[in-house]
Protein backbone atom coordinates (compact mmCIF):
# COMPACT_ATOMS: atom_id res chain seq x y z
CA MET A 1 107.51 81.43 188.09
CA THR A 2 109.55 80.08 184.87
CA THR A 3 109.30 76.62 183.57
CA ARG A 4 111.31 74.50 181.20
CA PHE A 5 109.61 72.75 178.61
CA VAL A 6 111.55 69.19 178.52
CA ALA A 7 110.94 67.39 174.61
CA ILE A 8 110.42 63.66 174.90
CA ALA A 9 109.68 61.47 171.38
CA VAL A 10 106.92 59.40 171.92
CA THR A 11 105.89 55.94 170.63
CA VAL A 12 101.97 55.25 169.97
CA VAL A 13 101.14 51.61 169.48
CA VAL A 14 97.48 50.84 168.49
CA VAL A 15 96.63 47.44 168.67
CA GLY A 16 92.85 48.21 168.41
CA VAL A 17 89.99 50.58 169.24
CA SER A 18 87.24 50.22 171.89
CA ALA A 19 83.49 50.39 170.91
CA LEU A 20 83.09 53.65 173.44
CA THR A 21 82.29 56.93 171.82
CA MET A 22 85.00 58.22 173.24
CA ALA A 23 84.38 61.86 173.74
CA GLU A 24 80.25 60.67 174.99
CA ASP A 25 80.32 57.39 177.21
CA ASP A 26 79.19 58.51 180.30
CA LEU A 27 81.64 58.12 182.63
CA ALA A 28 81.48 57.30 186.55
CA ALA A 29 81.88 59.94 189.23
CA ALA A 30 82.24 60.95 192.82
CA PRO A 31 78.85 62.71 193.94
CA ALA A 32 79.52 66.51 193.99
CA ASP A 33 78.98 66.50 198.34
CA ALA A 34 81.72 63.36 198.96
CA TRP A 35 84.60 61.80 197.67
CA PRO A 36 84.80 58.26 199.67
CA LEU A 37 87.50 56.34 197.89
CA ALA A 38 91.04 57.03 197.22
CA ARG A 39 89.70 57.66 193.32
CA GLY A 40 86.78 58.70 193.89
CA CYS A 41 84.11 56.70 192.55
CA LEU A 42 84.49 52.49 192.36
CA ALA A 43 85.79 52.92 188.30
CA GLY A 44 88.92 54.54 189.75
CA THR A 45 88.15 57.73 187.50
CA GLY A 46 89.09 60.31 189.40
CA ARG A 47 85.99 62.35 188.42
CA SER A 48 83.42 64.77 190.83
CA ALA A 49 80.01 65.51 189.45
CA ALA A 50 81.15 68.74 191.96
CA GLU A 51 81.04 72.29 189.90
CA LEU A 52 83.43 74.73 191.38
CA GLY A 53 84.63 78.47 190.95
CA LEU A 54 87.46 79.72 189.36
CA PRO A 55 90.20 81.26 191.54
CA LEU A 56 89.62 78.62 194.08
CA VAL A 57 90.82 80.54 197.61
CA GLU A 58 92.07 79.35 200.48
CA ALA A 59 89.49 78.46 203.16
CA TRP A 60 91.73 77.11 205.51
CA ARG A 61 94.66 75.33 206.36
CA ARG A 62 95.69 73.23 209.54
CA ASP A 63 99.35 72.75 210.33
CA ILE A 64 99.76 69.00 212.15
CA ASP A 65 103.05 68.69 214.59
CA ASN A 66 105.26 66.20 214.01
CA ALA A 67 103.04 64.50 210.46
CA SER A 68 104.37 63.73 206.89
CA PHE A 69 101.70 62.92 204.73
CA GLY A 70 101.66 60.47 201.62
CA ALA A 71 97.83 59.66 201.77
CA VAL A 72 94.44 61.58 199.49
CA PRO A 73 91.98 62.52 202.04
CA VAL A 74 88.73 61.09 201.55
CA ILE A 75 85.64 63.09 202.92
CA ALA A 76 81.61 62.08 203.86
CA ALA A 77 79.25 63.88 205.42
CA GLY A 78 81.38 67.21 206.17
CA THR A 79 84.42 65.35 207.44
CA ILE A 80 87.81 64.54 206.50
CA TYR A 81 89.12 61.57 206.74
CA VAL A 82 92.98 61.19 206.38
CA GLY A 83 96.62 59.01 208.20
CA ASP A 84 99.80 60.31 207.76
CA LEU A 85 102.83 58.22 207.79
CA ASP A 86 103.99 59.20 211.26
CA GLY A 87 100.99 56.66 212.70
CA THR A 88 98.02 59.10 213.31
CA PHE A 89 94.34 58.47 211.22
CA HIS A 90 93.33 62.07 211.41
CA ALA A 91 89.08 62.82 211.39
CA LEU A 92 88.91 66.74 210.29
CA ALA A 93 85.93 69.25 210.50
CA LEU A 94 85.18 69.72 206.66
CA ASP A 95 84.25 73.07 207.32
CA THR A 96 86.83 74.35 209.51
CA GLY A 97 89.95 71.63 210.17
CA THR A 98 89.46 70.91 213.81
CA THR A 99 90.23 67.57 214.77
CA ARG A 100 86.84 65.69 215.74
CA TRP A 101 88.52 62.15 216.33
CA SER A 102 92.25 60.51 215.65
CA PHE A 103 93.73 56.89 216.41
CA THR A 104 97.17 56.93 216.95
CA ALA A 105 99.10 53.34 215.70
CA ASP A 106 101.82 51.93 217.46
CA ALA A 107 104.99 51.82 214.97
CA ALA A 108 103.36 52.01 211.89
CA GLY A 109 102.34 54.82 209.39
CA PHE A 110 99.19 55.43 207.06
CA PRO A 111 101.22 55.94 203.64
CA ALA A 112 97.36 55.01 201.45
CA ALA A 113 93.41 56.58 201.46
CA ALA A 114 90.83 55.39 203.65
CA ALA A 115 87.55 54.17 202.20
CA VAL A 116 84.37 55.30 203.49
CA SER A 117 81.35 53.33 203.47
CA PRO A 118 78.18 54.38 201.47
CA ASP A 119 75.83 52.24 203.66
CA PRO A 120 74.35 54.74 206.45
CA ALA A 121 73.51 51.07 208.72
CA LEU A 122 77.15 50.78 208.83
CA PRO A 123 78.81 54.07 209.30
CA LEU A 124 82.42 52.91 209.66
CA VAL A 125 85.61 54.09 207.46
CA VAL A 126 87.90 51.51 206.79
CA VAL A 127 91.81 52.18 206.60
CA GLY A 128 95.06 50.25 206.34
CA ASP A 129 98.54 50.99 207.41
CA ASP A 130 102.16 50.10 206.56
CA ALA A 131 102.70 46.71 208.89
CA GLY A 132 99.49 45.31 207.05
CA THR A 133 96.99 45.50 209.71
CA ILE A 134 93.04 47.00 208.29
CA ARG A 135 90.63 48.99 210.48
CA ALA A 136 87.18 50.01 210.48
CA PHE A 137 86.53 52.95 212.52
CA ASP A 138 83.01 54.49 213.24
CA VAL A 139 83.25 57.36 211.21
CA ALA A 140 81.27 59.57 214.50
CA THR A 141 83.28 58.39 217.08
CA GLY A 142 86.49 56.90 215.87
CA ALA A 143 86.15 53.32 218.34
CA ILE A 144 87.02 50.39 216.21
CA ARG A 145 85.17 48.40 215.14
CA TRP A 146 86.90 45.70 213.60
CA ARG A 147 90.29 45.03 212.15
CA HIS A 148 92.22 42.10 210.05
CA GLU A 149 95.86 41.48 209.68
CA THR A 150 97.90 41.04 206.00
CA GLY A 151 101.39 40.12 205.44
CA GLY A 152 102.32 43.38 203.96
CA GLU A 153 102.20 47.44 203.55
CA ILE A 154 98.59 48.69 202.50
CA SER A 155 99.90 51.16 200.00
CA GLY A 156 96.39 51.57 197.75
CA GLY A 157 93.33 52.28 198.84
CA PRO A 158 90.43 49.91 200.45
CA THR A 159 87.72 50.17 198.04
CA ILE A 160 84.08 49.33 199.60
CA LEU A 161 81.98 47.02 196.94
CA PRO A 162 78.06 47.07 197.60
CA SER A 163 76.85 43.15 197.29
CA ALA A 164 73.91 41.14 197.38
CA THR A 165 74.90 39.74 200.79
CA GLY A 166 76.31 42.66 202.26
CA PRO A 167 78.65 45.32 201.40
CA ARG A 168 82.62 44.34 201.15
CA VAL A 169 85.90 45.52 201.23
CA LEU A 170 88.10 44.99 198.71
CA VAL A 171 91.87 45.75 199.90
CA GLY A 172 95.60 44.65 198.71
CA SER A 173 98.89 44.49 200.35
CA GLN A 174 102.55 44.11 199.34
CA ASP A 175 102.08 40.36 200.42
CA ALA A 176 100.85 40.00 197.34
CA SER A 177 97.37 39.32 198.13
CA LEU A 178 93.99 40.80 197.68
CA THR A 179 91.49 40.17 199.99
CA CYS A 180 87.54 40.54 200.51
CA LEU A 181 86.46 41.14 203.53
CA ALA A 182 82.55 41.70 205.20
CA LEU A 183 82.06 45.15 206.03
CA ASP A 184 79.97 44.69 209.21
CA ASP A 185 82.43 41.76 210.40
CA GLY A 186 85.87 42.31 208.37
CA GLY A 187 85.31 38.01 208.24
CA VAL A 188 87.13 36.78 204.98
CA ALA A 189 85.16 36.38 201.85
CA TRP A 190 87.60 35.18 199.41
CA THR A 191 91.59 36.12 198.87
CA PHE A 192 93.45 36.04 195.59
CA THR A 193 96.93 35.45 195.59
CA SER A 194 98.76 37.23 192.82
CA ALA A 195 102.83 36.63 192.24
CA ASP A 196 104.35 39.83 193.68
CA GLN A 197 103.08 42.99 196.09
CA ILE A 198 99.79 44.21 195.33
CA ARG A 199 100.04 48.21 195.37
CA CYS A 200 96.64 49.99 193.88
CA ALA A 201 93.43 50.70 194.93
CA PRO A 202 91.49 48.08 193.79
CA THR A 203 89.16 49.51 190.84
CA VAL A 204 85.31 48.00 189.91
CA VAL A 205 83.48 47.97 186.50
CA HIS A 206 80.14 46.02 185.82
CA THR A 207 79.62 43.63 183.24
CA ALA A 208 77.19 41.90 181.87
CA ASP A 209 78.48 38.30 183.92
CA GLY A 210 78.75 40.34 187.09
CA ASP A 211 81.10 43.01 188.95
CA ARG A 212 84.96 42.46 188.06
CA VAL A 213 87.80 43.82 189.78
CA LEU A 214 90.68 45.55 187.84
CA ILE A 215 94.48 44.88 189.87
CA ALA A 216 97.58 46.34 187.96
CA GLY A 217 100.52 44.78 189.73
CA CYS A 218 103.40 44.63 190.66
CA ASP A 219 103.90 41.43 188.80
CA GLY A 220 103.76 43.46 185.66
CA ARG A 221 100.43 42.12 184.77
CA LEU A 222 96.63 43.09 184.74
CA HIS A 223 94.43 40.95 186.82
CA VAL A 224 90.70 41.34 186.07
CA ILE A 225 88.88 39.11 188.58
CA ASP A 226 85.51 37.76 189.89
CA ALA A 227 84.05 40.14 192.57
CA ALA A 228 81.71 37.85 193.83
CA SER A 229 84.16 34.52 193.84
CA GLY A 230 87.54 35.93 193.65
CA ALA A 231 88.46 33.88 190.85
CA GLU A 232 90.71 35.37 187.91
CA ARG A 233 88.77 35.81 185.05
CA ALA A 234 91.73 36.65 182.77
CA THR A 235 95.16 38.72 182.82
CA VAL A 236 97.31 40.76 180.40
CA PRO A 237 100.79 41.26 180.52
CA ILE A 238 102.05 45.03 180.84
CA ASP A 239 105.73 45.75 180.34
CA GLY A 240 106.69 45.60 183.83
CA PRO A 241 105.76 46.29 188.06
CA THR A 242 103.10 49.41 188.76
CA GLY A 243 101.31 51.00 191.73
CA THR A 244 98.80 52.75 190.08
CA THR A 245 95.18 52.29 190.04
CA PRO A 246 93.44 51.84 186.65
CA ALA A 247 90.80 54.14 186.00
CA ALA A 248 88.77 51.95 183.70
CA ALA A 249 85.44 53.58 181.19
CA GLY A 250 83.09 50.60 180.43
CA GLU A 251 85.62 47.45 180.51
CA VAL A 252 88.69 49.74 179.59
CA ALA A 253 91.51 50.50 181.95
CA TYR A 254 94.10 53.09 181.52
CA PHE A 255 97.36 53.23 183.93
CA GLY A 256 100.79 53.92 183.46
CA THR A 257 103.41 51.32 184.39
CA GLU A 258 107.39 51.96 186.24
CA GLY A 259 109.12 51.12 182.97
CA GLY A 260 107.17 54.85 181.64
CA THR A 261 104.35 52.90 179.67
CA PHE A 262 101.46 53.91 179.58
CA PHE A 263 98.18 51.72 178.64
CA ALA A 264 94.76 51.74 177.27
CA ILE A 265 93.28 47.91 177.85
CA ASP A 266 89.84 46.00 176.78
CA ALA A 267 90.00 43.97 179.83
CA GLY A 268 86.69 41.39 178.94
CA ALA A 269 88.23 41.02 175.34
CA GLU A 270 91.81 40.77 177.12
CA ARG A 271 94.00 42.67 174.83
CA ILE A 272 96.07 46.13 174.77
CA LEU A 273 94.16 48.77 172.48
CA TRP A 274 97.09 51.15 172.73
CA GLN A 275 100.21 51.68 173.75
CA SER A 276 102.11 55.20 174.65
CA ARG A 277 105.97 55.13 175.57
CA ALA A 278 107.82 57.77 176.31
CA ALA A 279 111.40 57.67 175.15
CA ALA A 280 113.83 60.62 177.56
CA GLY A 281 114.58 58.29 180.98
CA GLY A 282 112.86 59.40 184.43
CA GLN A 283 108.89 59.46 182.87
CA SER A 284 107.73 56.15 184.99
CA TYR A 285 104.07 56.70 186.37
CA ARG A 286 102.98 56.49 189.74
CA SER A 287 100.54 59.20 189.55
CA SER A 288 96.90 56.84 188.63
CA ALA A 289 95.05 58.33 185.97
CA ALA A 290 91.56 60.58 185.41
CA LEU A 291 89.42 60.86 182.78
CA ALA A 292 87.98 63.82 181.16
CA GLY A 293 86.05 62.94 177.91
CA GLY A 294 87.73 61.84 175.23
CA LEU A 295 90.75 62.59 177.09
CA VAL A 296 93.39 60.81 180.24
CA ILE A 297 95.26 62.88 182.02
CA VAL A 298 98.42 61.55 184.16
CA GLY A 299 101.20 62.50 186.07
CA SER A 300 104.55 62.03 185.37
CA ARG A 301 107.89 61.53 187.01
CA GLY A 302 109.00 63.70 184.67
CA ARG A 303 107.83 66.35 186.22
CA ALA A 304 104.90 66.79 183.98
CA VAL A 305 100.87 66.39 183.49
CA GLU A 306 100.65 64.74 180.46
CA ALA A 307 97.11 64.59 178.52
CA PHE A 308 96.44 61.06 175.92
CA THR A 309 93.42 60.64 173.48
CA ARG A 310 91.38 57.73 174.52
CA ALA A 311 90.81 56.71 171.07
CA ASP A 312 94.32 56.44 170.62
CA GLY A 313 96.61 57.60 172.35
CA GLY A 314 97.68 60.04 170.90
CA ARG A 315 99.45 62.81 172.93
CA ALA A 316 96.95 65.39 173.09
CA TRP A 317 99.03 67.72 175.67
CA ARG A 318 102.16 67.73 177.94
CA ARG A 319 102.26 70.65 180.87
CA PRO A 320 105.65 71.08 182.39
CA MET A 321 106.07 71.15 186.80
CA ARG A 322 108.34 72.44 188.81
CA GLY A 323 108.35 68.40 190.33
CA ARG A 324 107.56 65.13 189.74
CA VAL A 325 103.92 64.25 189.88
CA ASP A 326 103.13 61.77 192.07
CA ALA A 327 100.02 62.94 192.62
CA SER A 328 96.71 61.48 190.91
CA PRO A 329 94.63 64.79 189.21
CA VAL A 330 91.32 64.79 189.26
CA VAL A 331 88.74 66.20 187.13
CA VAL A 332 86.00 68.69 188.04
CA THR A 333 83.89 71.60 185.63
CA ALA A 334 85.09 74.67 186.36
CA ARG A 335 84.28 78.05 185.93
CA GLY A 336 85.65 81.40 185.68
CA GLY A 337 89.48 81.65 185.79
CA VAL A 338 90.66 82.87 182.46
CA ALA A 339 87.70 82.09 180.41
CA PRO A 340 85.11 83.31 183.34
CA ALA A 341 82.14 83.06 180.81
CA ALA A 342 82.54 79.01 180.31
CA ALA A 343 81.82 75.82 182.05
CA ARG A 344 84.48 73.80 181.41
CA GLU A 345 86.40 70.28 182.42
CA VAL A 346 90.28 70.66 184.30
CA ALA A 347 92.39 68.77 186.10
CA LEU A 348 93.57 69.52 189.28
CA VAL A 349 96.76 68.51 189.95
CA ALA A 350 100.33 69.02 192.43
CA ASP A 351 103.50 68.22 192.39
CA ALA A 352 106.48 67.17 194.87
CA ALA A 353 107.84 70.97 194.77
CA GLY A 354 104.61 72.33 196.32
CA ARG A 355 102.66 73.60 193.15
CA ILE A 356 98.76 73.35 193.18
CA ALA A 357 97.26 74.32 189.94
CA ALA A 358 93.64 73.52 187.65
CA LEU A 359 94.57 72.81 184.48
CA ASP A 360 92.09 72.87 181.25
CA ALA A 361 91.11 69.49 180.40
CA ARG A 362 91.47 70.13 176.31
CA THR A 363 94.29 71.91 176.30
CA GLY A 364 96.71 71.72 179.63
CA GLU A 365 96.82 75.30 180.21
CA PRO A 366 96.76 76.53 183.30
CA ALA A 367 93.13 78.09 184.81
CA TRP A 368 94.40 79.18 188.12
CA GLU A 369 97.98 78.09 190.51
CA PHE A 370 98.91 78.17 193.99
CA ASP A 371 102.28 77.88 195.71
CA ALA A 372 102.17 75.51 199.01
CA GLY A 373 105.36 75.21 199.65
CA GLY A 374 105.75 70.99 200.81
CA GLY A 375 105.33 68.69 198.18
CA PHE A 376 102.24 66.27 197.38
CA GLY A 377 102.65 62.71 196.85
CA GLY A 378 98.53 62.57 197.14
CA GLY A 379 95.86 64.76 195.13
CA ALA A 380 92.83 65.95 195.47
CA ALA A 381 89.98 64.70 197.36
CA VAL A 382 86.83 67.16 195.96
CA ALA A 383 83.20 67.48 198.16
CA ASP A 384 80.70 70.40 199.00
CA GLY A 385 82.84 73.02 197.05
CA ARG A 386 85.61 72.68 199.14
CA VAL A 387 88.85 71.01 197.88
CA VAL A 388 91.20 69.32 200.29
CA PHE A 389 95.05 68.39 199.79
CA ALA A 390 97.68 66.96 202.51
CA SER A 391 101.15 67.44 202.01
CA ASP A 392 104.46 66.03 202.66
CA ASP A 393 105.36 68.76 205.60
CA GLY A 394 102.35 67.99 207.76
CA ARG A 395 99.63 70.77 205.97
CA VAL A 396 96.77 70.25 205.38
CA TRP A 397 94.93 72.70 202.63
CA CYS A 398 91.70 73.41 202.60
CA PHE A 399 90.55 75.15 199.15
CA ARG A 400 86.48 76.91 198.03
CA SER A 401 85.39 77.93 195.07
CA GLY A 402 86.34 81.72 195.13
CA ASP A 403 82.49 83.06 193.69
CA ALA A 404 81.33 81.25 197.22
CA ALA A 405 80.02 82.83 200.04
CA GLU A 406 82.23 84.01 202.88
């Protein structure tokens, strides 16, 4: 495959640096056996604790008639949950891809990821649709346990947060609301209203004063919200709207905007640490970022995957892709590929032209590549040694480690 490197001019503005030791801090990650949220974990880091063997090989693929996928799959207890844009929410077996149950909505599609409850006493999967309805399904049977109506499309996946009063569901809507619901019955605990649409999934960070919810909004602000009460604790202006989910390390949030600026913001200190902006056109960010040691990795609509240093926003590398990269990267540890003896972190990425790749997180060099044909708007889910993607041509792909047993 022939690629063309597109040179861009970059401006980096450093306002301050975090107290974090960037390459050594303890980054949150999804467990090795599940991918329960759109970005894997409450902190939105896009990381998995799984270790994979490269090259990945196809375990199975499933063509679903009259379907187009834009959402990230989620995985728990051996089941994949993913909705399509044509109105069906699917529960598929992780080992075979066969349907366990499905639900079809009337005149609505599922553009966003679901979230699976971590509480075994409440075995629910929660998902919103583009008509603004949020539903909680029984994970085993697909029976609807409750529903809640908002006034706008649900574009970002829900976040399920443990709480002293019972697990809660945080979900943003294009009606400009962030709603906190009780997981057991869908009752409203609180609602926060911003000045414009909320398209991202909520990110949660732990502080000495309690949990905080981070929302990067279409109103051009990063909102810091008290998870217990819904009260806004801080707000930081950014350069314009965004629908991307912040990735958090401690209280530092990393995300890009429609205006083509990538930010590192200390949510506790309420200040921008740095911002990096590409001068070339078409460089907006609709991909959420993933954290890998001292780097933050993100897809660009400029047909590339980029890595910035978390300490100061310097560009570490840029890897051209065939199509725009709206799908969010996922970082895992991998062995094999071009460096068979070494374990290192790789970023699993996919583009709108159907290319899937595992890029070395330190250098951006491809460690494995695959041409899937149809394009991807949603990123990977990783669990139990499997990597799952859902494409815009209605195909669900499942890959396994190349060194795994048949």
